[in-house]
Structure formats: structure tokens, C-alpha cells
Amino acid sequence: MRMKSIFRHETILFLVVIVALVILSIQAEQFATIDNLLNQGRFLTEVSLVALIMTFVIVTGGIDLSVGSILGLSAIVLGVAWKKLGLPLPLAILVALSVGTLAGLFNGIIITRFKVPPLIATLATLALYRGLAEGISQARSIRGYPEWFFILGQGEFFGIPTQLWIVAFFTLLTGFILTYTTWGRATYAIGANETAARFSGIAVDKTKLFIYAASGFAASLAAIIFVSRVSTTRSDMGMGLELDAITAVVLGGTSIFGGKGTIVGTFFGLILIQILKNGLSLAGVKSDGTYIAIGLVLILTLLISNLFNRNSEG
């Protein structure tokens, strides 16, 4: 019954995506062009990488509000390590990935060792990491990256943007892990009932530590692709990213109470949000109207899904 409920939500979301594509294609001629859709895929990359791992975080009953700040911090570390410290750019990339992963691990330590609620812990580190990014950057941007670096954010492979191949790989990988592996089942068990998971012999704290570290890694990888796409590094990168990622995950059917969610649902949620932003903008709708539309779609989709769930349970 649980799997049927999840499938129903994903089916509803898929149908909403199809309807939105048809309506927006009619309203704006430029929307359905290949160039526009591929370009929107570029813009979707950073939030997609973060949202995929955010699915794991929320399935455990947690939350990570610091991912946008980790992205900004990792971007600044990348630029400073390369430009000011003189490290080779590949090594600077590894340093930035390490910093992001450690930032996520630090979140996990606060949550598991000191029993601080994830909302409070990551709200605090959101401010901490953003402050560190601004302090390191001194409000200065870093430019002049070598041409080969732009392959990640501006290049193409077989006519498809490079970062979309990266997103596709991580979507398949995370979907397989969450659905078919013992670690994925442990993630669901922790979210459904953490106490029962502990008594079942699941390494709850280790699993959470790994998930929050993975969240930091995803944010730092998104930072590298973001810098490659826009050709510069700034400390304000990633501001508000956490809200977009959480919205996509929740829209995809992941329960904020934990124990329920799929990567497929998150994937559809990401697509729906991006096509609404782009399509409504091309149709001449102002930004405030776009956010109102996204909010209404989110509410209606969840209400319809809950209605189907109640009917199936009854």
C-alpha cells in the first residue's frame, strides 16, 4: 500500500509536468525549443545535485538549511586556493570538494553527537559558512579561470550540456542507492522510526553522518559547476538554493516527517519548478506571479496526492 501511494504521487506529478509543458508551449513559442530546454537544464544543475542528496536528508526526518552557504564557501575556497595560494586548479577543486564535505560532516557531528535538532544546527551553520565565505572573499570576485575549466559549466558532449550528463549520472546513482541497497533501506528505517532502527542494529549515527557529509559534497560539486558556468567566484553564490532544493524534494512527495520519498519524485519536482519559472517568464508573467503559481501548484499537487492516499487507505 505504501509503494502504491508513492507511485500515485509520482504519477500525479508526472501528469502535472506534462500539462504544464503543453500549456506553457502554447503560451510562449520560445519555450519548447531545444535550445531553451537545454539552457534550462544548465540552470537546473546546481539545485538538482543538492536536491538529490537533500532527499536522503529529509527521508531520515532531517533538514539541511546550510547547503547554499556551503556552496558559497566552496566556491570562494576554490577561487582563493587557485588564485591567491597558487595551487594548481585541479588541486584547488579537490580542496573545495573537501571543504564542502567537511562542512557537511560538521553538521552531522552537531546533530548526532550533541543531539541538536537538524533545523537549529543547520540554521546556525548557514550563518557560519556564509560569514566565512564573505570573510575570506573580502567582497571581491575572482575571475580568469583557464578555458578547460569551462567545460564543466559551458561545454557540451554529443550536443547535450556537460553538466546534464553529471546530473543524469547522480540521479541514477542516488536512485539506485535509495531504492535497492541496504543503506537506502536503512535511510527509510531511520526516518520511519529512529528508535526502532537503533534496536534493529542499524548504525543510525554513522548513516546520518554519511548523509550530511554527502550533502556537503553535493553542494561543493554544485559550486564548482556554478563557477564554471558563470566564469567567476562570489561569496553570495548559492543564496536561497536550500529553499529551492527543499521545495523540489517536498513537491516530489518526500515527507518532512521522514520515512517516505523517492529520487524519481524529486526529479519530477525539479523539472516542474524550473519549467514553471522559465515558461511563465517567457509568457510575460512577473516574478511575483511566478512564485505564486509555483506555490499554488505545490499545494494542489500535495492535496491531490493526500486525497488519493486517504482513499487507498480507506
C-alpha atoms as a PDB file:
ATOM      1  CA  MET A   1       0.000   0.000   0.000  1.00  0.00           C
ATOM      2  CA  ARG A   2       2.849   2.383   0.843  1.00  0.00           C
ATOM      3  CA  MET A   3       4.539   1.825  -2.513  1.00  0.00           C
ATOM      4  CA  LYS A   4       1.212   2.332  -4.308  1.00  0.00           C
ATOM      5  CA  SER A   5       0.772   5.665  -2.525  1.00  0.00           C
ATOM      6  CA  ILE A   6       4.216   6.821  -3.564  1.00  0.00           C
ATOM      7  CA  PHE A   7       3.595   5.691  -7.134  1.00  0.00           C
ATOM      8  CA  ARG A   8       0.327   7.606  -7.222  1.00  0.00           C
ATOM      9  CA  HIS A   9       2.054  10.801  -6.139  1.00  0.00           C
ATOM     10  CA  GLU A  10       4.756  10.397  -8.780  1.00  0.00           C
ATOM     11  CA  THR A  11       2.126   9.671 -11.423  1.00  0.00           C
ATOM     12  CA  ILE A  12       0.177  12.777 -10.466  1.00  0.00           C
ATOM     13  CA  LEU A  13       3.345  14.861 -10.552  1.00  0.00           C
ATOM     14  CA  PHE A  14       4.309  13.447 -13.933  1.00  0.00           C
ATOM     15  CA  LEU A  15       0.886  14.353 -15.327  1.00  0.00           C
ATOM     16  CA  VAL A  16       1.186  17.862 -13.892  1.00  0.00           C
ATOM     17  CA  VAL A  17       4.565  18.229 -15.628  1.00  0.00           C
ATOM     18  CA  ILE A  18       3.041  17.128 -18.957  1.00  0.00           C
ATOM     19  CA  VAL A  19       0.113  19.533 -18.592  1.00  0.00           C
ATOM     20  CA  ALA A  20       2.466  22.379 -17.675  1.00  0.00           C
ATOM     21  CA  LEU A  21       4.669  21.639 -20.690  1.00  0.00           C
ATOM     22  CA  VAL A  22       1.682  21.715 -23.048  1.00  0.00           C
ATOM     23  CA  ILE A  23       0.188  24.917 -21.620  1.00  0.00           C
ATOM     24  CA  LEU A  24       3.491  26.775 -21.481  1.00  0.00           C
ATOM     25  CA  SER A  25       4.363  25.672 -25.024  1.00  0.00           C
ATOM     26  CA  ILE A  26       1.123  27.233 -26.215  1.00  0.00           C
ATOM     27  CA  GLN A  27       1.607  30.433 -24.213  1.00  0.00           C
ATOM     28  CA  ALA A  28       5.232  31.033 -25.249  1.00  0.00           C
ATOM     29  CA  GLU A  29       6.581  29.926 -28.634  1.00  0.00           C
ATOM     30  CA  GLN A  30      10.224  30.084 -27.490  1.00  0.00           C
ATOM     31  CA  PHE A  31       9.593  27.733 -24.558  1.00  0.00           C
ATOM     32  CA  ALA A  32       9.508  24.393 -26.380  1.00  0.00           C
ATOM     33  CA  THR A  33      12.654  24.959 -28.451  1.00  0.00           C
ATOM     34  CA  ILE A  34      15.553  22.566 -27.944  1.00  0.00           C
ATOM     35  CA  ASP A  35      17.968  25.407 -27.190  1.00  0.00           C
ATOM     36  CA  ASN A  36      15.732  26.811 -24.460  1.00  0.00           C
ATOM     37  CA  LEU A  37      15.112  23.449 -22.806  1.00  0.00           C
ATOM     38  CA  LEU A  38      18.807  22.573 -22.790  1.00  0.00           C
ATOM     39  CA  ASN A  39      19.630  26.002 -21.411  1.00  0.00           C
ATOM     40  CA  GLN A  40      17.122  25.475 -18.607  1.00  0.00           C
ATOM     41  CA  GLY A  41      18.866  22.206 -17.889  1.00  0.00           C
ATOM     42  CA  ARG A  42      22.067  24.160 -17.293  1.00  0.00           C
ATOM     43  CA  PHE A  43      20.317  26.436 -14.799  1.00  0.00           C
ATOM     44  CA  LEU A  44      18.803  23.420 -13.034  1.00  0.00           C
ATOM     45  CA  THR A  45      22.106  21.632 -12.420  1.00  0.00           C
ATOM     46  CA  GLU A  46      23.227  23.114  -9.100  1.00  0.00           C
ATOM     47  CA  VAL A  47      19.900  22.796  -7.315  1.00  0.00           C
ATOM     48  CA  SER A  48      19.463  19.284  -8.748  1.00  0.00           C
ATOM     49  CA  LEU A  49      22.711  18.000  -7.241  1.00  0.00           C
ATOM     50  CA  VAL A  50      21.766  19.449  -3.862  1.00  0.00           C
ATOM     51  CA  ALA A  51      18.152  18.220  -4.012  1.00  0.00           C
ATOM     52  CA  LEU A  52      19.139  14.635  -4.809  1.00  0.00           C
ATOM     53  CA  ILE A  53      21.032  14.310  -1.528  1.00  0.00           C
ATOM     54  CA  MET A  54      18.506  16.503   0.288  1.00  0.00           C
ATOM     55  CA  THR A  55      16.043  13.688  -0.442  1.00  0.00           C
ATOM     56  CA  PHE A  56      18.129  11.366   1.744  1.00  0.00           C
ATOM     57  CA  VAL A  57      18.372  14.016   4.449  1.00  0.00           C
ATOM     58  CA  ILE A  58      14.618  14.612   4.589  1.00  0.00           C
ATOM     59  CA  VAL A  59      13.795  10.892   4.351  1.00  0.00           C
ATOM     60  CA  THR A  60      15.704  10.457   7.635  1.00  0.00           C
ATOM     61  CA  GLY A  61      13.492  13.148   9.172  1.00  0.00           C
ATOM     62  CA  GLY A  62      16.216  15.806   8.992  1.00  0.00           C
ATOM     63  CA  ILE A  63      16.821  19.023   7.097  1.00  0.00           C
ATOM     64  CA  ASP A  64      19.877  20.856   5.794  1.00  0.00           C
ATOM     65  CA  LEU A  65      19.496  24.616   5.539  1.00  0.00           C
ATOM     66  CA  SER A  66      23.221  25.214   5.127  1.00  0.00           C
ATOM     67  CA  VAL A  67      23.699  23.825   1.608  1.00  0.00           C
ATOM     68  CA  GLY A  68      23.503  27.246  -0.072  1.00  0.00           C
ATOM     69  CA  SER A  69      26.132  28.617   2.291  1.00  0.00           C
ATOM     70  CA  ILE A  70      28.329  25.558   1.752  1.00  0.00           C
ATOM     71  CA  LEU A  71      28.081  26.207  -1.979  1.00  0.00           C
ATOM     72  CA  GLY A  72      29.203  29.810  -1.485  1.00  0.00           C
ATOM     73  CA  LEU A  73      32.032  28.801   0.852  1.00  0.00           C
ATOM     74  CA  SER A  74      33.268  26.077  -1.501  1.00  0.00           C
ATOM     75  CA  ALA A  75      33.209  28.494  -4.442  1.00  0.00           C
ATOM     76  CA  ILE A  76      35.304  31.032  -2.541  1.00  0.00           C
ATOM     77  CA  VAL A  77      37.748  28.366  -1.356  1.00  0.00           C
ATOM     78  CA  LEU A  78      38.150  27.220  -4.961  1.00  0.00           C
ATOM     79  CA  GLY A  79      38.982  30.722  -6.178  1.00  0.00           C
ATOM     80  CA  VAL A  80      41.262  31.636  -3.279  1.00  0.00           C
ATOM     81  CA  ALA A  81      43.144  28.331  -3.343  1.00  0.00           C
ATOM     82  CA  TRP A  82      43.819  28.729  -7.059  1.00  0.00           C
ATOM     83  CA  LYS A  83      44.288  32.485  -7.483  1.00  0.00           C
ATOM     84  CA  LYS A  84      45.825  33.588  -4.181  1.00  0.00           C
ATOM     85  CA  LEU A  85      47.502  30.472  -2.829  1.00  0.00           C
ATOM     86  CA  GLY A  86      48.805  29.440  -6.232  1.00  0.00           C
ATOM     87  CA  LEU A  87      47.561  25.857  -6.169  1.00  0.00           C
ATOM     88  CA  PRO A  88      47.017  24.094  -9.498  1.00  0.00           C
ATOM     89  CA  LEU A  89      43.335  24.341 -10.379  1.00  0.00           C
ATOM     90  CA  PRO A  90      42.704  20.548 -10.189  1.00  0.00           C
ATOM     91  CA  LEU A  91      44.148  20.559  -6.672  1.00  0.00           C
ATOM     92  CA  ALA A  92      42.096  23.649  -5.779  1.00  0.00           C
ATOM     93  CA  ILE A  93      38.988  21.762  -6.929  1.00  0.00           C
ATOM     94  CA  LEU A  94      39.851  18.879  -4.600  1.00  0.00           C
ATOM     95  CA  VAL A  95      40.355  21.343  -1.746  1.00  0.00           C
ATOM     96  CA  ALA A  96      36.951  22.914  -2.408  1.00  0.00           C
ATOM     97  CA  LEU A  97      35.274  19.499  -2.503  1.00  0.00           C
ATOM     98  CA  SER A  98      36.991  18.562   0.750  1.00  0.00           C
ATOM     99  CA  VAL A  99      35.893  21.776   2.464  1.00  0.00           C
ATOM    100  CA  GLY A 100      32.281  21.235   1.409  1.00  0.00           C
ATOM    101  CA  THR A 101      32.328  17.615   2.556  1.00  0.00           C
ATOM    102  CA  LEU A 102      33.848  18.568   5.914  1.00  0.00           C
ATOM    103  CA  ALA A 103      31.263  21.317   6.357  1.00  0.00           C
ATOM    104  CA  GLY A 104      28.519  18.745   5.833  1.00  0.00           C
ATOM    105  CA  LEU A 105      30.254  16.328   8.186  1.00  0.00           C
ATOM    106  CA  PHE A 106      30.420  19.065  10.822  1.00  0.00           C
ATOM    107  CA  ASN A 107      26.650  19.449  10.508  1.00  0.00           C
ATOM    108  CA  GLY A 108      26.272  15.724  11.051  1.00  0.00           C
ATOM    109  CA  ILE A 109      28.501  15.761  14.137  1.00  0.00           C
ATOM    110  CA  ILE A 110      26.483  18.555  15.733  1.00  0.00           C
ATOM    111  CA  ILE A 111      23.265  16.667  15.031  1.00  0.00           C
ATOM    112  CA  THR A 112      24.367  13.159  16.064  1.00  0.00           C
ATOM    113  CA  ARG A 113      26.912  13.779  18.828  1.00  0.00           C
ATOM    114  CA  PHE A 114      25.343  16.794  20.504  1.00  0.00           C
ATOM    115  CA  LYS A 115      21.717  15.924  19.688  1.00  0.00           C
ATOM    116  CA  VAL A 116      20.949  19.355  18.268  1.00  0.00           C
ATOM    117  CA  PRO A 117      17.811  19.296  16.053  1.00  0.00           C
ATOM    118  CA  PRO A 118      18.788  19.459  12.364  1.00  0.00           C
ATOM    119  CA  LEU A 119      16.743  22.611  11.801  1.00  0.00           C
ATOM    120  CA  ILE A 120      18.603  24.501  14.536  1.00  0.00           C
ATOM    121  CA  ALA A 121      22.028  23.041  13.731  1.00  0.00           C
ATOM    122  CA  THR A 122      21.948  23.814  10.023  1.00  0.00           C
ATOM    123  CA  LEU A 123      20.329  27.206  10.575  1.00  0.00           C
ATOM    124  CA  ALA A 124      23.350  28.100  12.710  1.00  0.00           C
ATOM    125  CA  THR A 125      25.878  26.737  10.217  1.00  0.00           C
ATOM    126  CA  LEU A 126      24.036  28.532   7.410  1.00  0.00           C
ATOM    127  CA  ALA A 127      25.116  31.796   9.036  1.00  0.00           C
ATOM    128  CA  LEU A 128      28.555  30.430   9.976  1.00  0.00           C
ATOM    129  CA  TYR A 129      29.510  29.222   6.498  1.00  0.00           C
ATOM    130  CA  ARG A 130      28.139  32.320   4.775  1.00  0.00           C
ATOM    131  CA  GLY A 131      30.113  34.502   7.166  1.00  0.00           C
ATOM    132  CA  LEU A 132      33.273  32.526   6.453  1.00  0.00           C
ATOM    133  CA  ALA A 133      32.717  32.887   2.713  1.00  0.00           C
ATOM    134  CA  GLU A 134      32.282  36.645   2.995  1.00  0.00           C
ATOM    135  CA  GLY A 135      35.257  36.981   5.322  1.00  0.00           C
ATOM    136  CA  ILE A 136      37.569  35.018   3.042  1.00  0.00           C
ATOM    137  CA  SER A 137      36.441  36.802  -0.106  1.00  0.00           C
ATOM    138  CA  GLN A 138      36.545  40.325   1.347  1.00  0.00           C
ATOM    139  CA  ALA A 139      33.694  41.163  -1.062  1.00  0.00           C
ATOM    140  CA  ARG A 140      35.939  40.539  -4.083  1.00  0.00           C
ATOM    141  CA  SER A 141      35.180  38.276  -7.018  1.00  0.00           C
ATOM    142  CA  ILE A 142      37.718  36.003  -8.654  1.00  0.00           C
ATOM    143  CA  ARG A 143      37.932  35.623 -12.427  1.00  0.00           C
ATOM    144  CA  GLY A 144      40.333  34.485 -15.126  1.00  0.00           C
ATOM    145  CA  TYR A 145      39.891  30.717 -14.939  1.00  0.00           C
ATOM    146  CA  PRO A 146      41.516  28.673 -17.728  1.00  0.00           C
ATOM    147  CA  GLU A 147      39.437  27.659 -20.739  1.00  0.00           C
ATOM    148  CA  TRP A 148      39.437  23.936 -19.949  1.00  0.00           C
ATOM    149  CA  PHE A 149      37.645  24.623 -16.667  1.00  0.00           C
ATOM    150  CA  PHE A 150      34.597  25.978 -18.505  1.00  0.00           C
ATOM    151  CA  ILE A 151      33.886  22.543 -19.980  1.00  0.00           C
ATOM    152  CA  LEU A 152      32.038  21.642 -16.766  1.00  0.00           C
ATOM    153  CA  GLY A 153      29.603  24.536 -16.883  1.00  0.00           C
ATOM    154  CA  GLN A 154      29.565  25.663 -20.510  1.00  0.00           C
ATOM    155  CA  GLY A 155      30.699  22.691 -22.566  1.00  0.00           C
ATOM    156  CA  GLU A 156      28.684  20.073 -24.457  1.00  0.00           C
ATOM    157  CA  PHE A 157      29.009  16.361 -25.096  1.00  0.00           C
ATOM    158  CA  PHE A 158      27.060  14.941 -28.067  1.00  0.00           C
ATOM    159  CA  GLY A 159      25.106  18.191 -28.196  1.00  0.00           C
ATOM    160  CA  ILE A 160      23.982  17.979 -24.562  1.00  0.00           C
ATOM    161  CA  PRO A 161      25.419  20.287 -21.852  1.00  0.00           C
ATOM    162  CA  THR A 162      28.167  18.590 -19.852  1.00  0.00           C
ATOM    163  CA  GLN A 163      26.527  19.224 -16.500  1.00  0.00           C
ATOM    164  CA  LEU A 164      23.352  17.429 -17.612  1.00  0.00           C
ATOM    165  CA  TRP A 165      25.389  14.249 -18.032  1.00  0.00           C
ATOM    166  CA  ILE A 166      26.668  14.772 -14.484  1.00  0.00           C
ATOM    167  CA  VAL A 167      23.135  15.282 -13.154  1.00  0.00           C
ATOM    168  CA  ALA A 168      21.897  12.202 -15.031  1.00  0.00           C
ATOM    169  CA  PHE A 169      24.678  10.094 -13.525  1.00  0.00           C
ATOM    170  CA  PHE A 170      23.992  11.236  -9.961  1.00  0.00           C
ATOM    171  CA  THR A 171      20.235  10.855 -10.438  1.00  0.00           C
ATOM    172  CA  LEU A 172      20.654   7.219 -11.460  1.00  0.00           C
ATOM    173  CA  LEU A 173      23.225   6.593  -8.732  1.00  0.00           C
ATOM    174  CA  THR A 174      21.200   8.110  -5.890  1.00  0.00           C
ATOM    175  CA  GLY A 175      18.010   6.493  -7.156  1.00  0.00           C
ATOM    176  CA  PHE A 176      19.660   3.078  -7.157  1.00  0.00           C
ATOM    177  CA  ILE A 177      21.169   3.569  -3.695  1.00  0.00           C
ATOM    178  CA  LEU A 178      17.963   4.786  -2.065  1.00  0.00           C
ATOM    179  CA  THR A 179      15.758   2.143  -3.693  1.00  0.00           C
ATOM    180  CA  TYR A 180      17.816  -1.019  -3.958  1.00  0.00           C
ATOM    181  CA  THR A 181      20.580  -1.009  -1.351  1.00  0.00           C
ATOM    182  CA  THR A 182      20.747  -1.895   2.328  1.00  0.00           C
ATOM    183  CA  TRP A 183      21.960   1.636   3.044  1.00  0.00           C
ATOM    184  CA  GLY A 184      18.887   3.039   1.318  1.00  0.00           C
ATOM    185  CA  ARG A 185      16.572   0.820   3.350  1.00  0.00           C
ATOM    186  CA  ALA A 186      18.367   1.971   6.495  1.00  0.00           C
ATOM    187  CA  THR A 187      17.669   5.574   5.466  1.00  0.00           C
ATOM    188  CA  TYR A 188      13.947   4.830   5.262  1.00  0.00           C
ATOM    189  CA  ALA A 189      14.031   2.950   8.578  1.00  0.00           C
ATOM    190  CA  ILE A 190      15.652   5.867  10.390  1.00  0.00           C
ATOM    191  CA  GLY A 191      13.025   8.277   9.114  1.00  0.00           C
ATOM    192  CA  ALA A 192      10.119   5.955   9.899  1.00  0.00           C
ATOM    193  CA  ASN A 193      11.213   5.208  13.479  1.00  0.00           C
ATOM    194  CA  GLU A 194      14.715   6.074  14.640  1.00  0.00           C
ATOM    195  CA  THR A 195      14.375   4.261  17.963  1.00  0.00           C
ATOM    196  CA  ALA A 196      13.228   1.059  16.270  1.00  0.00           C
ATOM    197  CA  ALA A 197      16.078   1.405  13.755  1.00  0.00           C
ATOM    198  CA  ARG A 198      18.603   1.538  16.593  1.00  0.00           C
ATOM    199  CA  PHE A 199      17.139  -1.579  18.210  1.00  0.00           C
ATOM    200  CA  SER A 200      17.283  -3.292  14.813  1.00  0.00           C
ATOM    201  CA  GLY A 201      21.053  -2.853  14.760  1.00  0.00           C
ATOM    202  CA  ILE A 202      21.182  -0.060  12.186  1.00  0.00           C
ATOM    203  CA  ALA A 203      24.140   2.298  12.645  1.00  0.00           C
ATOM    204  CA  VAL A 204      21.911   5.364  12.844  1.00  0.00           C
ATOM    205  CA  ASP A 205      24.572   7.941  13.719  1.00  0.00           C
ATOM    206  CA  LYS A 206      27.033   6.694  11.093  1.00  0.00           C
ATOM    207  CA  THR A 207      24.325   6.721   8.445  1.00  0.00           C
ATOM    208  CA  LYS A 208      23.346  10.289   9.322  1.00  0.00           C
ATOM    209  CA  LEU A 209      26.970  11.421   9.355  1.00  0.00           C
ATOM    210  CA  PHE A 210      27.494   9.987   5.896  1.00  0.00           C
ATOM    211  CA  ILE A 211      24.302  11.583   4.555  1.00  0.00           C
ATOM    212  CA  TYR A 212      25.147  15.069   5.856  1.00  0.00           C
ATOM    213  CA  ALA A 213      28.721  14.725   4.566  1.00  0.00           C
ATOM    214  CA  ALA A 214      27.287  13.711   1.177  1.00  0.00           C
ATOM    215  CA  SER A 215      25.039  16.772   1.305  1.00  0.00           C
ATOM    216  CA  GLY A 216      28.094  18.971   1.793  1.00  0.00           C
ATOM    217  CA  PHE A 217      29.908  17.200  -1.035  1.00  0.00           C
ATOM    218  CA  ALA A 218      26.948  17.724  -3.391  1.00  0.00           C
ATOM    219  CA  ALA A 219      26.863  21.439  -2.519  1.00  0.00           C
ATOM    220  CA  SER A 220      30.601  21.801  -3.179  1.00  0.00           C
ATOM    221  CA  LEU A 221      30.329  19.937  -6.501  1.00  0.00           C
ATOM    222  CA  ALA A 222      27.460  22.261  -7.424  1.00  0.00           C
ATOM    223  CA  ALA A 223      29.728  25.195  -6.517  1.00  0.00           C
ATOM    224  CA  ILE A 224      32.437  24.067  -8.932  1.00  0.00           C
ATOM    225  CA  ILE A 225      29.937  23.656 -11.773  1.00  0.00           C
ATOM    226  CA  PHE A 226      28.329  27.003 -10.885  1.00  0.00           C
ATOM    227  CA  VAL A 227      31.681  28.814 -11.017  1.00  0.00           C
ATOM    228  CA  SER A 228      32.467  27.128 -14.325  1.00  0.00           C
ATOM    229  CA  ARG A 229      29.099  28.210 -15.735  1.00  0.00           C
ATOM    230  CA  VAL A 230      29.257  31.890 -14.716  1.00  0.00           C
ATOM    231  CA  SER A 231      33.072  32.238 -15.062  1.00  0.00           C
ATOM    232  CA  THR A 232      33.521  33.961 -11.709  1.00  0.00           C
ATOM    233  CA  THR A 233      33.523  33.344  -7.966  1.00  0.00           C
ATOM    234  CA  ARG A 234      31.497  35.369  -5.464  1.00  0.00           C
ATOM    235  CA  SER A 235      30.672  34.878  -1.792  1.00  0.00           C
ATOM    236  CA  ASP A 236      26.914  35.320  -2.375  1.00  0.00           C
ATOM    237  CA  MET A 237      26.681  32.280  -4.617  1.00  0.00           C
ATOM    238  CA  GLY A 238      24.030  29.785  -3.554  1.00  0.00           C
ATOM    239  CA  MET A 239      21.869  32.188  -1.554  1.00  0.00           C
ATOM    240  CA  GLY A 240      18.342  30.752  -1.386  1.00  0.00           C
ATOM    241  CA  LEU A 241      19.413  27.480  -3.003  1.00  0.00           C
ATOM    242  CA  GLU A 242      18.328  25.488   0.045  1.00  0.00           C
ATOM    243  CA  LEU A 243      14.723  26.675  -0.321  1.00  0.00           C
ATOM    244  CA  ASP A 244      14.545  25.634  -3.986  1.00  0.00           C
ATOM    245  CA  ALA A 245      16.021  22.224  -3.168  1.00  0.00           C
ATOM    246  CA  ILE A 246      13.683  21.593  -0.236  1.00  0.00           C
ATOM    247  CA  THR A 247      10.679  22.723  -2.282  1.00  0.00           C
ATOM    248  CA  ALA A 248      11.558  20.290  -5.083  1.00  0.00           C
ATOM    249  CA  VAL A 249      12.022  17.418  -2.626  1.00  0.00           C
ATOM    250  CA  VAL A 250       8.733  18.071  -0.824  1.00  0.00           C
ATOM    251  CA  LEU A 251       6.904  18.593  -4.116  1.00  0.00           C
ATOM    252  CA  GLY A 252       8.323  15.234  -5.193  1.00  0.00           C
ATOM    253  CA  GLY A 253       6.459  13.511  -2.358  1.00  0.00           C
ATOM    254  CA  THR A 254       9.150  13.206   0.305  1.00  0.00           C
ATOM    255  CA  SER A 255       7.584  13.545   3.742  1.00  0.00           C
ATOM    256  CA  ILE A 256       9.107  16.196   6.010  1.00  0.00           C
ATOM    257  CA  PHE A 257       8.408  13.786   8.880  1.00  0.00           C
ATOM    258  CA  GLY A 258      10.717  11.197   7.327  1.00  0.00           C
ATOM    259  CA  GLY A 259      10.347   7.623   6.157  1.00  0.00           C
ATOM    260  CA  LYS A 260       8.924   8.361   2.716  1.00  0.00           C
ATOM    261  CA  GLY A 261      10.329   9.738  -0.543  1.00  0.00           C
ATOM    262  CA  THR A 262      11.891   8.825  -3.887  1.00  0.00           C
ATOM    263  CA  ILE A 263      14.511  10.232  -6.212  1.00  0.00           C
ATOM    264  CA  VAL A 264      12.060   9.969  -9.120  1.00  0.00           C
ATOM    265  CA  GLY A 265       9.650  12.233  -7.277  1.00  0.00           C
ATOM    266  CA  THR A 266      12.382  14.757  -6.566  1.00  0.00           C
ATOM    267  CA  PHE A 267      13.417  14.664 -10.227  1.00  0.00           C
ATOM    268  CA  PHE A 268       9.887  15.498 -11.375  1.00  0.00           C
ATOM    269  CA  GLY A 269       9.653  18.210  -8.722  1.00  0.00           C
ATOM    270  CA  LEU A 270      12.828  19.833 -10.005  1.00  0.00           C
ATOM    271  CA  ILE A 271      11.627  19.764 -13.597  1.00  0.00           C
ATOM    272  CA  LEU A 272       8.214  21.195 -12.719  1.00  0.00           C
ATOM    273  CA  ILE A 273       9.643  24.121 -10.761  1.00  0.00           C
ATOM    274  CA  GLN A 274      12.146  25.026 -13.477  1.00  0.00           C
ATOM    275  CA  ILE A 275       9.690  24.844 -16.374  1.00  0.00           C
ATOM    276  CA  LEU A 276       7.226  26.991 -14.435  1.00  0.00           C
ATOM    277  CA  LYS A 277       9.900  29.611 -13.746  1.00  0.00           C
ATOM    278  CA  ASN A 278      11.054  29.703 -17.353  1.00  0.00           C
ATOM    279  CA  GLY A 279       7.727  29.255 -19.098  1.00  0.00           C
ATOM    280  CA  LEU A 280       5.873  31.849 -17.083  1.00  0.00           C
ATOM    281  CA  SER A 281       8.735  34.305 -17.530  1.00  0.00           C
ATOM    282  CA  LEU A 282       8.648  33.828 -21.312  1.00  0.00           C
ATOM    283  CA  ALA A 283       4.874  34.256 -21.216  1.00  0.00           C
ATOM    284  CA  GLY A 284       5.328  37.683 -19.629  1.00  0.00           C
ATOM    285  CA  VAL A 285       4.395  36.813 -16.056  1.00  0.00           C
ATOM    286  CA  LYS A 286       6.294  38.830 -13.437  1.00  0.00           C
ATOM    287  CA  SER A 287       8.484  37.130 -10.841  1.00  0.00           C
ATOM    288  CA  ASP A 288       5.955  37.519  -8.034  1.00  0.00           C
ATOM    289  CA  GLY A 289       3.281  35.886 -10.181  1.00  0.00           C
ATOM    290  CA  THR A 290       5.676  33.031 -10.954  1.00  0.00           C
ATOM    291  CA  TYR A 291       6.259  32.296  -7.268  1.00  0.00           C
ATOM    292  CA  ILE A 292       2.525  32.442  -6.603  1.00  0.00           C
ATOM    293  CA  ALA A 293       1.965  29.903  -9.388  1.00  0.00           C
ATOM    294  CA  ILE A 294       4.669  27.592  -8.020  1.00  0.00           C
ATOM    295  CA  GLY A 295       3.145  27.822  -4.539  1.00  0.00           C
ATOM    296  CA  LEU A 296      -0.326  27.007  -5.849  1.00  0.00           C
ATOM    297  CA  VAL A 297       0.961  24.056  -7.873  1.00  0.00           C
ATOM    298  CA  LEU A 298       2.815  22.752  -4.817  1.00  0.00           C
ATOM    299  CA  ILE A 299      -0.296  22.993  -2.634  1.00  0.00           C
ATOM    300  CA  LEU A 300      -2.644  21.488  -5.228  1.00  0.00           C
ATOM    301  CA  THR A 301      -0.304  18.600  -6.043  1.00  0.00           C
ATOM    302  CA  LEU A 302       0.108  17.686  -2.377  1.00  0.00           C
ATOM    303  CA  LEU A 303      -3.625  17.987  -1.713  1.00  0.00           C
ATOM    304  CA  ILE A 304      -4.495  15.725  -4.648  1.00  0.00           C
ATOM    305  CA  SER A 305      -1.842  13.217  -3.590  1.00  0.00           C
ATOM    306  CA  ASN A 306      -3.112  13.197   0.003  1.00  0.00           C
ATOM    307  CA  LEU A 307      -6.653  12.667  -1.260  1.00  0.00           C
ATOM    308  CA  PHE A 308      -5.572   9.597  -3.223  1.00  0.00           C
ATOM    309  CA  ASN A 309      -3.638   8.310  -0.218  1.00  0.00           C
ATOM    310  CA  ARG A 310      -6.658   8.608   2.054  1.00  0.00           C
ATOM    311  CA  ASN A 311      -8.849   6.834  -0.457  1.00  0.00           C
ATOM    312  CA  SER A 312      -6.360   3.971  -0.803  1.00  0.00           C
ATOM    313  CA  GLU A 313      -6.072   3.627   2.973  1.00  0.00           C
ATOM    314  CA  GLY A 314      -9.845   3.692   3.354  1.00  0.00           C
END
